[in-house]
N, C-alpha and C. Protein backbone atom coordinates (compact mmCIF):
# COMPACT_ATOMS: atom_id res chain seq x y z
N UNK A 1 0.85 -1.16 0.00
CA UNK A 1 -0.01 0.00 0.00
C UNK A 1 0.91 1.24 -0.01
N UNK A 2 0.66 2.10 -0.94
CA UNK A 2 1.47 3.31 -1.02
C UNK A 2 0.63 4.49 -0.60
N UNK A 3 1.25 5.39 0.05
CA UNK A 3 0.57 6.62 0.44
C UNK A 3 1.28 7.78 -0.22
N UNK A 4 0.50 8.73 -0.62
CA UNK A 4 1.10 9.92 -1.21
C UNK A 4 1.28 10.95 -0.12
N UNK A 5 2.40 11.57 -0.11
CA UNK A 5 2.62 12.57 0.93
C UNK A 5 1.70 13.77 0.70
N UNK A 6 1.22 14.33 1.78
CA UNK A 6 0.36 15.51 1.65
C UNK A 6 1.24 16.71 1.30
N UNK A 7 0.66 17.65 0.52
CA UNK A 7 1.46 18.82 0.17
C UNK A 7 1.77 19.66 1.41
N UNK A 8 2.87 20.33 1.39
CA UNK A 8 3.20 21.17 2.57
C UNK A 8 2.22 22.33 2.70
N UNK A 9 2.03 22.76 3.91
CA UNK A 9 1.12 23.89 4.16
C UNK A 9 1.67 25.14 3.46
N UNK A 10 0.74 25.96 2.96
CA UNK A 10 1.16 27.17 2.28
C UNK A 10 1.81 28.12 3.30
N UNK A 11 2.90 28.68 2.87
CA UNK A 11 3.62 29.60 3.76
C UNK A 11 3.86 30.90 3.02
N UNK A 12 3.97 31.95 3.78
CA UNK A 12 4.27 33.26 3.24
C UNK A 12 5.76 33.32 2.93
N UNK A 13 6.17 34.30 2.13
CA UNK A 13 7.60 34.44 1.90
C UNK A 13 8.33 34.63 3.24
N UNK A 14 9.37 33.90 3.41
CA UNK A 14 10.12 33.96 4.67
C UNK A 14 9.81 32.75 5.55
N UNK A 15 8.85 31.90 5.14
CA UNK A 15 8.59 30.67 5.87
C UNK A 15 7.49 30.73 6.90
N UNK A 16 6.93 31.92 7.19
CA UNK A 16 5.86 32.01 8.18
C UNK A 16 4.55 31.52 7.56
N UNK A 17 3.66 30.90 8.34
CA UNK A 17 2.40 30.45 7.78
C UNK A 17 1.49 31.65 7.45
N UNK A 18 0.64 31.47 6.42
CA UNK A 18 -0.29 32.54 6.05
C UNK A 18 -1.32 32.71 7.14
N UNK A 19 -1.73 33.93 7.41
CA UNK A 19 -2.79 34.12 8.43
C UNK A 19 -4.13 33.62 7.90
N UNK A 20 -5.00 33.30 8.83
CA UNK A 20 -6.36 32.85 8.44
C UNK A 20 -7.11 34.00 7.77
N UNK A 21 -7.93 33.71 6.76
CA UNK A 21 -8.65 34.78 6.08
C UNK A 21 -9.68 35.41 7.02
N UNK A 22 -9.89 36.70 6.83
CA UNK A 22 -10.81 37.43 7.66
C UNK A 22 -12.19 37.47 6.97
N UNK A 23 -13.28 37.39 7.73
CA UNK A 23 -14.60 37.35 7.09
C UNK A 23 -15.10 38.70 6.57
N UNK A 24 -14.50 39.81 6.99
CA UNK A 24 -15.01 41.12 6.58
C UNK A 24 -15.04 41.34 5.06
N UNK A 25 -13.98 41.02 4.34
CA UNK A 25 -14.07 41.22 2.90
C UNK A 25 -15.21 40.43 2.25
N UNK A 26 -15.46 39.26 2.76
CA UNK A 26 -16.56 38.45 2.20
C UNK A 26 -17.90 39.12 2.49
N UNK A 27 -18.06 39.68 3.67
CA UNK A 27 -19.32 40.34 3.99
C UNK A 27 -19.50 41.60 3.14
N UNK A 28 -18.44 42.35 2.92
CA UNK A 28 -18.54 43.53 2.08
C UNK A 28 -18.88 43.13 0.63
N UNK A 29 -18.27 42.08 0.17
CA UNK A 29 -18.60 41.60 -1.18
C UNK A 29 -20.03 41.12 -1.26
N UNK A 30 -20.54 40.53 -0.19
CA UNK A 30 -21.94 40.12 -0.17
C UNK A 30 -22.86 41.33 -0.30
N UNK A 31 -22.55 42.41 0.43
CA UNK A 31 -23.35 43.64 0.32
C UNK A 31 -23.32 44.21 -1.08
N UNK A 32 -22.14 44.24 -1.69
CA UNK A 32 -22.05 44.75 -3.05
C UNK A 32 -22.76 43.83 -4.04
N UNK A 33 -22.68 42.51 -3.81
CA UNK A 33 -23.38 41.58 -4.67
C UNK A 33 -24.88 41.80 -4.60
N UNK A 34 -25.41 42.08 -3.38
CA UNK A 34 -26.83 42.35 -3.22
C UNK A 34 -27.24 43.58 -4.04
N UNK A 35 -26.39 44.60 -4.03
CA UNK A 35 -26.72 45.79 -4.78
C UNK A 35 -26.68 45.54 -6.29
N UNK A 36 -25.74 44.70 -6.76
CA UNK A 36 -25.70 44.35 -8.18
C UNK A 36 -26.94 43.57 -8.58
N UNK A 37 -27.40 42.67 -7.70
CA UNK A 37 -28.61 41.92 -8.00
C UNK A 37 -29.81 42.86 -8.04
N UNK A 38 -29.83 43.85 -7.17
CA UNK A 38 -30.90 44.85 -7.17
C UNK A 38 -30.98 45.56 -8.51
N UNK A 39 -29.85 45.99 -9.01
CA UNK A 39 -29.81 46.70 -10.30
C UNK A 39 -30.26 45.77 -11.42
N UNK A 40 -29.77 44.55 -11.43
CA UNK A 40 -30.11 43.60 -12.47
C UNK A 40 -31.60 43.27 -12.43
N UNK A 41 -32.15 43.08 -11.26
CA UNK A 41 -33.57 42.78 -11.14
C UNK A 41 -34.45 43.94 -11.62
N UNK A 42 -34.04 45.14 -11.28
CA UNK A 42 -34.83 46.30 -11.69
C UNK A 42 -34.81 46.48 -13.20
N UNK A 43 -33.65 46.30 -13.81
CA UNK A 43 -33.54 46.48 -15.25
C UNK A 43 -34.29 45.37 -16.00
N UNK A 44 -34.26 44.16 -15.47
CA UNK A 44 -34.93 43.06 -16.15
C UNK A 44 -36.45 43.12 -16.04
N UNK A 45 -36.97 43.92 -15.12
CA UNK A 45 -38.42 44.01 -14.96
C UNK A 45 -39.00 45.32 -15.51
N UNK A 46 -38.24 46.06 -16.26
CA UNK A 46 -38.74 47.34 -16.78
C UNK A 46 -39.97 47.14 -17.66
N UNK A 47 -39.96 46.15 -18.54
CA UNK A 47 -41.10 45.93 -19.42
C UNK A 47 -42.35 45.57 -18.62
N UNK A 48 -42.21 44.71 -17.62
CA UNK A 48 -43.36 44.36 -16.79
C UNK A 48 -43.88 45.58 -16.03
N UNK A 49 -42.98 46.44 -15.54
CA UNK A 49 -43.42 47.66 -14.87
C UNK A 49 -44.20 48.56 -15.84
N UNK A 50 -43.73 48.66 -17.03
CA UNK A 50 -44.40 49.50 -18.03
C UNK A 50 -45.82 48.98 -18.30
N UNK A 51 -45.96 47.70 -18.42
CA UNK A 51 -47.29 47.14 -18.72
C UNK A 51 -48.19 47.20 -17.48
N UNK A 52 -47.70 46.76 -16.32
CA UNK A 52 -48.53 46.68 -15.12
C UNK A 52 -48.90 48.03 -14.54
N UNK A 53 -47.97 48.96 -14.58
CA UNK A 53 -48.20 50.26 -13.95
C UNK A 53 -48.63 51.34 -14.95
N UNK A 54 -48.59 51.01 -16.23
CA UNK A 54 -48.98 51.98 -17.25
C UNK A 54 -48.04 53.17 -17.33
N UNK A 55 -46.75 52.89 -17.31
CA UNK A 55 -45.74 53.94 -17.32
C UNK A 55 -45.29 54.18 -18.76
N UNK A 56 -45.10 55.44 -19.09
CA UNK A 56 -44.59 55.77 -20.42
C UNK A 56 -43.14 55.30 -20.56
N UNK A 57 -42.74 54.88 -21.75
CA UNK A 57 -41.35 54.40 -21.92
C UNK A 57 -40.30 55.44 -21.53
N UNK A 58 -40.57 56.70 -21.74
CA UNK A 58 -39.59 57.74 -21.39
C UNK A 58 -39.43 57.84 -19.87
N UNK A 59 -40.46 57.52 -19.12
CA UNK A 59 -40.38 57.61 -17.65
C UNK A 59 -39.63 56.44 -17.02
N UNK A 60 -39.51 55.36 -17.77
CA UNK A 60 -38.83 54.20 -17.20
C UNK A 60 -37.35 54.45 -16.91
N UNK A 61 -36.78 55.43 -17.55
CA UNK A 61 -35.37 55.71 -17.27
C UNK A 61 -35.15 56.19 -15.84
N UNK A 62 -36.21 56.68 -15.21
CA UNK A 62 -36.11 57.13 -13.83
C UNK A 62 -35.89 55.97 -12.86
N UNK A 63 -36.26 54.76 -13.26
CA UNK A 63 -36.07 53.61 -12.36
C UNK A 63 -34.57 53.40 -12.07
N UNK A 64 -33.76 53.42 -13.11
CA UNK A 64 -32.33 53.25 -12.87
C UNK A 64 -31.65 54.55 -12.48
N UNK A 65 -32.16 55.67 -12.99
CA UNK A 65 -31.55 56.96 -12.67
C UNK A 65 -31.71 57.34 -11.20
N UNK A 66 -32.87 57.04 -10.64
CA UNK A 66 -33.10 57.35 -9.23
C UNK A 66 -32.09 56.61 -8.35
N UNK A 67 -31.91 55.36 -8.64
CA UNK A 67 -30.95 54.54 -7.88
C UNK A 67 -29.55 55.11 -8.01
N UNK A 68 -29.14 55.42 -9.23
CA UNK A 68 -27.79 55.91 -9.48
C UNK A 68 -27.57 57.28 -8.84
N UNK A 69 -28.53 58.17 -8.93
CA UNK A 69 -28.40 59.51 -8.34
C UNK A 69 -28.24 59.45 -6.82
N UNK A 70 -29.06 58.62 -6.18
CA UNK A 70 -28.99 58.56 -4.71
C UNK A 70 -27.69 57.88 -4.27
N UNK A 71 -27.26 56.85 -5.00
CA UNK A 71 -25.98 56.22 -4.64
C UNK A 71 -24.83 57.21 -4.80
N UNK A 72 -24.82 57.92 -5.93
CA UNK A 72 -23.75 58.89 -6.16
C UNK A 72 -23.73 59.98 -5.11
N UNK A 73 -24.91 60.42 -4.67
CA UNK A 73 -24.96 61.45 -3.64
C UNK A 73 -24.53 60.92 -2.28
N UNK A 74 -24.74 59.65 -2.01
CA UNK A 74 -24.44 59.11 -0.70
C UNK A 74 -23.06 58.50 -0.53
N UNK A 75 -22.39 58.17 -1.61
CA UNK A 75 -21.10 57.49 -1.51
C UNK A 75 -20.09 58.32 -0.73
N UNK A 76 -20.05 59.59 -0.99
CA UNK A 76 -19.08 60.44 -0.29
C UNK A 76 -19.32 60.51 1.20
N UNK A 77 -20.58 60.46 1.60
CA UNK A 77 -20.87 60.54 3.03
C UNK A 77 -20.86 59.18 3.70
N UNK A 78 -20.87 58.09 2.91
CA UNK A 78 -20.88 56.75 3.50
C UNK A 78 -19.68 56.47 4.38
N UNK A 79 -18.49 56.85 3.91
CA UNK A 79 -17.29 56.64 4.71
C UNK A 79 -17.30 57.47 5.99
N UNK A 80 -17.79 58.69 5.89
CA UNK A 80 -17.84 59.55 7.08
C UNK A 80 -18.84 59.01 8.09
N UNK A 81 -20.00 58.53 7.61
CA UNK A 81 -20.97 57.93 8.52
C UNK A 81 -20.38 56.68 9.19
N UNK A 82 -19.62 55.90 8.40
CA UNK A 82 -19.01 54.70 8.95
C UNK A 82 -18.02 55.00 10.03
N UNK A 83 -17.25 56.07 9.88
CA UNK A 83 -16.29 56.44 10.91
C UNK A 83 -16.95 57.05 12.12
N UNK A 84 -18.02 57.79 11.91
CA UNK A 84 -18.69 58.43 13.03
C UNK A 84 -19.54 57.47 13.84
N UNK A 85 -20.33 56.62 13.16
CA UNK A 85 -21.29 55.75 13.86
C UNK A 85 -20.85 54.29 13.92
N UNK A 86 -19.75 53.96 13.29
CA UNK A 86 -19.29 52.57 13.28
C UNK A 86 -19.60 51.92 11.94
N UNK A 87 -18.58 51.34 11.34
CA UNK A 87 -18.77 50.77 10.01
C UNK A 87 -19.75 49.63 9.99
N UNK A 88 -19.70 48.79 11.01
CA UNK A 88 -20.62 47.66 11.07
C UNK A 88 -22.06 48.13 11.16
N UNK A 89 -22.32 49.10 12.01
CA UNK A 89 -23.69 49.61 12.18
C UNK A 89 -24.20 50.25 10.87
N UNK A 90 -23.36 51.02 10.22
CA UNK A 90 -23.76 51.65 8.97
C UNK A 90 -23.98 50.60 7.88
N UNK A 91 -23.11 49.61 7.82
CA UNK A 91 -23.26 48.54 6.83
C UNK A 91 -24.56 47.78 7.06
N UNK A 92 -24.86 47.39 8.29
CA UNK A 92 -26.08 46.65 8.59
C UNK A 92 -27.31 47.50 8.30
N UNK A 93 -27.24 48.78 8.60
CA UNK A 93 -28.35 49.68 8.28
C UNK A 93 -28.56 49.76 6.78
N UNK A 94 -27.46 49.80 6.03
CA UNK A 94 -27.57 49.85 4.57
C UNK A 94 -28.14 48.58 3.98
N UNK A 95 -27.74 47.43 4.52
CA UNK A 95 -28.29 46.15 4.03
C UNK A 95 -29.79 46.07 4.36
N UNK A 96 -30.17 46.54 5.55
CA UNK A 96 -31.59 46.55 5.91
C UNK A 96 -32.37 47.50 5.01
N UNK A 97 -31.80 48.67 4.69
CA UNK A 97 -32.47 49.58 3.78
C UNK A 97 -32.59 49.02 2.38
N UNK A 98 -31.57 48.31 1.94
CA UNK A 98 -31.61 47.66 0.63
C UNK A 98 -32.72 46.63 0.59
N UNK A 99 -32.84 45.82 1.63
CA UNK A 99 -33.90 44.80 1.68
C UNK A 99 -35.28 45.44 1.76
N UNK A 100 -35.42 46.46 2.61
CA UNK A 100 -36.72 47.12 2.75
C UNK A 100 -37.13 47.83 1.45
N UNK A 101 -36.18 48.51 0.81
CA UNK A 101 -36.48 49.18 -0.44
C UNK A 101 -36.84 48.19 -1.54
N UNK A 102 -36.16 47.05 -1.58
CA UNK A 102 -36.49 46.02 -2.57
C UNK A 102 -37.87 45.46 -2.34
N UNK A 103 -38.22 45.26 -1.09
CA UNK A 103 -39.55 44.78 -0.75
C UNK A 103 -40.61 45.82 -1.13
N UNK A 104 -40.31 47.09 -0.88
CA UNK A 104 -41.26 48.15 -1.26
C UNK A 104 -41.47 48.20 -2.76
N UNK A 105 -40.42 47.99 -3.53
CA UNK A 105 -40.58 47.95 -4.98
C UNK A 105 -41.43 46.77 -5.41
N UNK A 106 -41.21 45.63 -4.75
CA UNK A 106 -41.93 44.42 -5.13
C UNK A 106 -43.44 44.52 -4.87
N UNK A 107 -43.85 45.23 -3.85
CA UNK A 107 -45.27 45.33 -3.51
C UNK A 107 -45.90 46.66 -3.93
N UNK A 108 -45.19 47.47 -4.69
CA UNK A 108 -45.70 48.79 -5.05
C UNK A 108 -46.86 48.70 -6.04
N UNK A 109 -47.77 49.67 -5.92
CA UNK A 109 -48.94 49.75 -6.80
C UNK A 109 -48.84 50.88 -7.80
N UNK A 110 -47.87 51.76 -7.62
CA UNK A 110 -47.73 52.90 -8.52
C UNK A 110 -46.28 53.21 -8.80
N UNK A 111 -46.09 54.03 -9.80
CA UNK A 111 -44.72 54.35 -10.23
C UNK A 111 -44.00 55.19 -9.19
N UNK A 112 -44.70 56.05 -8.48
CA UNK A 112 -44.06 56.86 -7.43
C UNK A 112 -43.55 55.96 -6.29
N UNK A 113 -44.30 54.90 -6.00
CA UNK A 113 -43.85 53.97 -4.94
C UNK A 113 -42.62 53.18 -5.40
N UNK A 114 -42.55 52.88 -6.70
CA UNK A 114 -41.37 52.21 -7.24
C UNK A 114 -40.16 53.10 -7.05
N UNK A 115 -40.29 54.38 -7.40
CA UNK A 115 -39.16 55.31 -7.27
C UNK A 115 -38.75 55.50 -5.82
N UNK A 116 -39.74 55.57 -4.92
CA UNK A 116 -39.43 55.70 -3.49
C UNK A 116 -38.71 54.45 -2.98
N UNK A 117 -39.13 53.29 -3.39
CA UNK A 117 -38.47 52.06 -2.99
C UNK A 117 -37.05 51.97 -3.54
N UNK A 118 -36.86 52.39 -4.76
CA UNK A 118 -35.51 52.40 -5.34
C UNK A 118 -34.61 53.37 -4.59
N UNK A 119 -35.16 54.52 -4.20
CA UNK A 119 -34.37 55.47 -3.42
C UNK A 119 -33.94 54.89 -2.06
N UNK A 120 -34.87 54.20 -1.43
CA UNK A 120 -34.54 53.58 -0.13
C UNK A 120 -33.53 52.44 -0.32
N UNK A 121 -33.67 51.68 -1.39
CA UNK A 121 -32.75 50.57 -1.63
C UNK A 121 -31.34 51.04 -1.95
N UNK A 122 -31.21 52.26 -2.42
CA UNK A 122 -29.88 52.76 -2.80
C UNK A 122 -29.00 53.07 -1.59
N UNK A 123 -29.53 52.98 -0.40
CA UNK A 123 -28.70 53.17 0.80
C UNK A 123 -27.77 51.98 1.00
N UNK A 124 -28.07 50.85 0.40
CA UNK A 124 -27.22 49.68 0.54
C UNK A 124 -25.83 49.85 -0.05
N UNK A 125 -25.72 50.23 -1.32
CA UNK A 125 -24.40 50.35 -1.91
C UNK A 125 -23.54 51.45 -1.28
N UNK A 126 -24.10 52.56 -0.89
CA UNK A 126 -23.23 53.61 -0.37
C UNK A 126 -22.84 53.35 1.09
N UNK A 127 -23.46 52.33 1.71
CA UNK A 127 -23.09 52.06 3.10
C UNK A 127 -21.88 51.14 3.21
N UNK A 128 -21.37 50.63 2.08
CA UNK A 128 -20.22 49.73 2.18
C UNK A 128 -19.07 50.14 1.27
N UNK A 129 -18.75 51.45 1.21
CA UNK A 129 -17.56 51.83 0.46
C UNK A 129 -16.33 51.66 1.34
N UNK A 130 -15.15 51.77 0.77
CA UNK A 130 -13.94 51.78 1.61
C UNK A 130 -13.96 52.97 2.56
N UNK A 131 -13.34 52.85 3.71
CA UNK A 131 -13.34 53.96 4.65
C UNK A 131 -12.65 55.20 4.08
N UNK A 132 -13.17 56.33 4.48
CA UNK A 132 -12.57 57.59 4.01
C UNK A 132 -11.27 57.81 4.75
N UNK A 133 -10.34 58.60 4.14
CA UNK A 133 -9.04 58.81 4.77
C UNK A 133 -9.13 59.65 6.03
């Protein structure tokens, strides 16, 4: 019976073992992934919104524009809020706002409610930027 030797443990340059990975980057990527899914879901349902809510084709551009405008306005303050109130608290608040805004869009009966839900959902992406200097 032959056994194959196990490969040596990965080591950093200089022979020290690599440190264990930290879960924070994964959580931040999860938050960003949720925001990407939000954008993809909204864009893929534009035709259904137009038919169900009776929205003019020219007005549908506000669905993505509202989200983009609010994210762009909030990104600069996201790092400052994170430093003042704690990054974890701001991140969790942003994820909760993203979920609540997505739910509001899903159950909306009018176009104004869709825009309000998209505005609320846009707090998710700006709550997880890199910290400000």
